[in-house]
C-alpha atoms as a PDB file:
ATOM      1  CA  MET A   1     -20.697  10.147  -4.510  1.00  0.00           C
ATOM      2  CA  THR A   2     -24.359   9.593  -5.324  1.00  0.00           C
ATOM      3  CA  ARG A   3     -26.014   9.436  -8.728  1.00  0.00           C
ATOM      4  CA  ASP A   4     -29.644   8.649  -9.684  1.00  0.00           C
ATOM      5  CA  GLY A   5     -30.522   6.903  -6.395  1.00  0.00           C
ATOM      6  CA  SER A   6     -27.225   5.035  -6.155  1.00  0.00           C
ATOM      7  CA  VAL A   7     -24.012   5.316  -4.163  1.00  0.00           C
ATOM      8  CA  VAL A   8     -21.141   5.103  -6.657  1.00  0.00           C
ATOM      9  CA  CYS A   9     -17.759   3.610  -5.713  1.00  0.00           C
ATOM     10  CA  PRO A  10     -15.094   6.207  -6.590  1.00  0.00           C
ATOM     11  CA  LYS A  11     -12.550   3.461  -7.274  1.00  0.00           C
ATOM     12  CA  HIS A  12     -14.488   1.029  -9.505  1.00  0.00           C
ATOM     13  CA  SER A  13     -17.623   3.039 -10.463  1.00  0.00           C
ATOM     14  CA  SER A  14     -19.937   0.233  -9.318  1.00  0.00           C
ATOM     15  CA  ALA A  15     -23.316   1.699  -8.324  1.00  0.00           C
ATOM     16  CA  PHE A  16     -25.135   0.478  -5.192  1.00  0.00           C
ATOM     17  CA  ASP A  17     -28.865   1.087  -4.657  1.00  0.00           C
ATOM     18  CA  THR A  18     -29.283   3.524  -1.737  1.00  0.00           C
ATOM     19  CA  CYS A  19     -32.265   1.625  -0.274  1.00  0.00           C
ATOM     20  CA  GLU A  20     -31.288  -2.014  -0.786  1.00  0.00           C
ATOM     21  CA  GLY A  21     -27.480  -1.807  -1.007  1.00  0.00           C
ATOM     22  CA  SER A  22     -27.466  -4.111  -4.024  1.00  0.00           C
ATOM     23  CA  CYS A  23     -25.220  -3.671  -7.065  1.00  0.00           C
ATOM     24  CA  ASP A  24     -25.945  -4.840 -10.599  1.00  0.00           C
ATOM     25  CA  ASN A  25     -22.993  -3.365 -12.511  1.00  0.00           C
ATOM     26  CA  GLY A  26     -19.202  -3.131 -12.613  1.00  0.00           C
ATOM     27  CA  GLU A  27     -16.740  -5.150 -10.542  1.00  0.00           C
ATOM     28  CA  ALA A  28     -19.179  -5.395  -7.620  1.00  0.00           C
ATOM     29  CA  ALA A  29     -22.118  -6.754  -9.673  1.00  0.00           C
ATOM     30  CA  GLY A  30     -24.102  -9.325  -7.712  1.00  0.00           C
ATOM     31  CA  THR A  31     -22.966  -8.069  -4.296  1.00  0.00           C
ATOM     32  CA  THR A  32     -24.808  -6.169  -1.572  1.00  0.00           C
ATOM     33  CA  LEU A  33     -23.436  -3.648   0.887  1.00  0.00           C
ATOM     34  CA  ARG A  34     -23.555  -4.630   4.544  1.00  0.00           C
ATOM     35  CA  ALA A  35     -25.860  -2.529   6.731  1.00  0.00           C
ATOM     36  CA  ILE A  36     -23.939  -0.477   9.319  1.00  0.00           C
ATOM     37  CA  ASP A  37     -25.009   1.788  12.165  1.00  0.00           C
ATOM     38  CA  ILE A  38     -24.554   5.500  11.503  1.00  0.00           C
ATOM     39  CA  GLU A  39     -25.820   8.731  12.995  1.00  0.00           C
ATOM     40  CA  VAL A  40     -26.494  11.936  11.069  1.00  0.00           C
ATOM     41  CA  ARG A  41     -25.889  15.166  12.983  1.00  0.00           C
ATOM     42  CA  ASP A  42     -26.448  18.430  11.124  1.00  0.00           C
ATOM     43  CA  VAL A  43     -24.792  17.697   7.747  1.00  0.00           C
ATOM     44  CA  ALA A  44     -22.227  15.164   9.001  1.00  0.00           C
ATOM     45  CA  VAL A  45     -22.447  11.342   9.046  1.00  0.00           C
ATOM     46  CA  PHE A  46     -20.837   9.474  11.956  1.00  0.00           C
ATOM     47  CA  LEU A  47     -20.006   5.774  12.205  1.00  0.00           C
ATOM     48  CA  THR A  48     -21.653   4.407  15.364  1.00  0.00           C
ATOM     49  CA  ASP A  49     -21.397   0.672  14.647  1.00  0.00           C
ATOM     50  CA  ASP A  50     -19.388  -0.945  17.468  1.00  0.00           C
ATOM     51  CA  GLY A  51     -18.302  -3.770  15.132  1.00  0.00           C
ATOM     52  CA  LEU A  52     -16.432  -1.431  12.758  1.00  0.00           C
ATOM     53  CA  ALA A  53     -13.482   0.958  12.971  1.00  0.00           C
ATOM     54  CA  TYR A  54     -12.891   4.189  11.038  1.00  0.00           C
ATOM     55  CA  LEU A  55      -9.352   4.059   9.642  1.00  0.00           C
ATOM     56  CA  SER A  56      -8.712   7.184   7.574  1.00  0.00           C
ATOM     57  CA  GLU A  57     -10.191   9.975   5.510  1.00  0.00           C
ATOM     58  CA  GLY A  58     -10.062  10.240   1.721  1.00  0.00           C
ATOM     59  CA  LEU A  59      -9.121   7.826  -1.039  1.00  0.00           C
ATOM     60  CA  SER A  60      -6.304   5.312  -0.845  1.00  0.00           C
ATOM     61  CA  ASP A  61      -3.029   5.876  -2.687  1.00  0.00           C
ATOM     62  CA  ASP A  62      -3.532   4.004  -5.966  1.00  0.00           C
ATOM     63  CA  ASP A  63       0.007   4.092  -7.427  1.00  0.00           C
ATOM     64  CA  GLY A  64       0.521   0.309  -7.162  1.00  0.00           C
ATOM     65  CA  ASP A  65       2.960   0.578  -4.237  1.00  0.00           C
ATOM     66  CA  ASP A  66       2.283  -2.248  -1.779  1.00  0.00           C
ATOM     67  CA  ASP A  67       3.120   0.089   1.102  1.00  0.00           C
ATOM     68  CA  ALA A  68       0.459   2.585   0.036  1.00  0.00           C
ATOM     69  CA  GLY A  69      -1.875   1.548   2.836  1.00  0.00           C
ATOM     70  CA  LEU A  70      -5.563   0.898   2.292  1.00  0.00           C
ATOM     71  CA  SER A  71      -6.722  -0.958  -0.797  1.00  0.00           C
ATOM     72  CA  SER A  72     -10.316   0.224  -0.632  1.00  0.00           C
ATOM     73  CA  SER A  73     -11.994   3.584  -0.568  1.00  0.00           C
ATOM     74  CA  SER A  74     -14.445   2.381   2.106  1.00  0.00           C
ATOM     75  CA  HIS A  75     -11.865   2.499   4.944  1.00  0.00           C
ATOM     76  CA  LEU A  76     -13.967   0.214   7.137  1.00  0.00           C
ATOM     77  CA  THR A  77     -12.685  -2.980   8.685  1.00  0.00           C
ATOM     78  CA  PHE A  78     -14.813  -5.895   9.845  1.00  0.00           C
END
């Protein structure tokens, strides 16, 4: 989700600047998002970075079960 020029993490509500990738609030304060290669076609965004893999769609299961799968809403692995 975006808000006021920031990309907002749906899990922790940390806001990242859309131009710089930096964050100055919440759990991610003091961090910066890594730049990745994407391609925009029509209204869809596609991951084109060869160093990353798309794992799943949607948010992770956050019920505390260790077998729930992904622990991040980003779903990107490095």
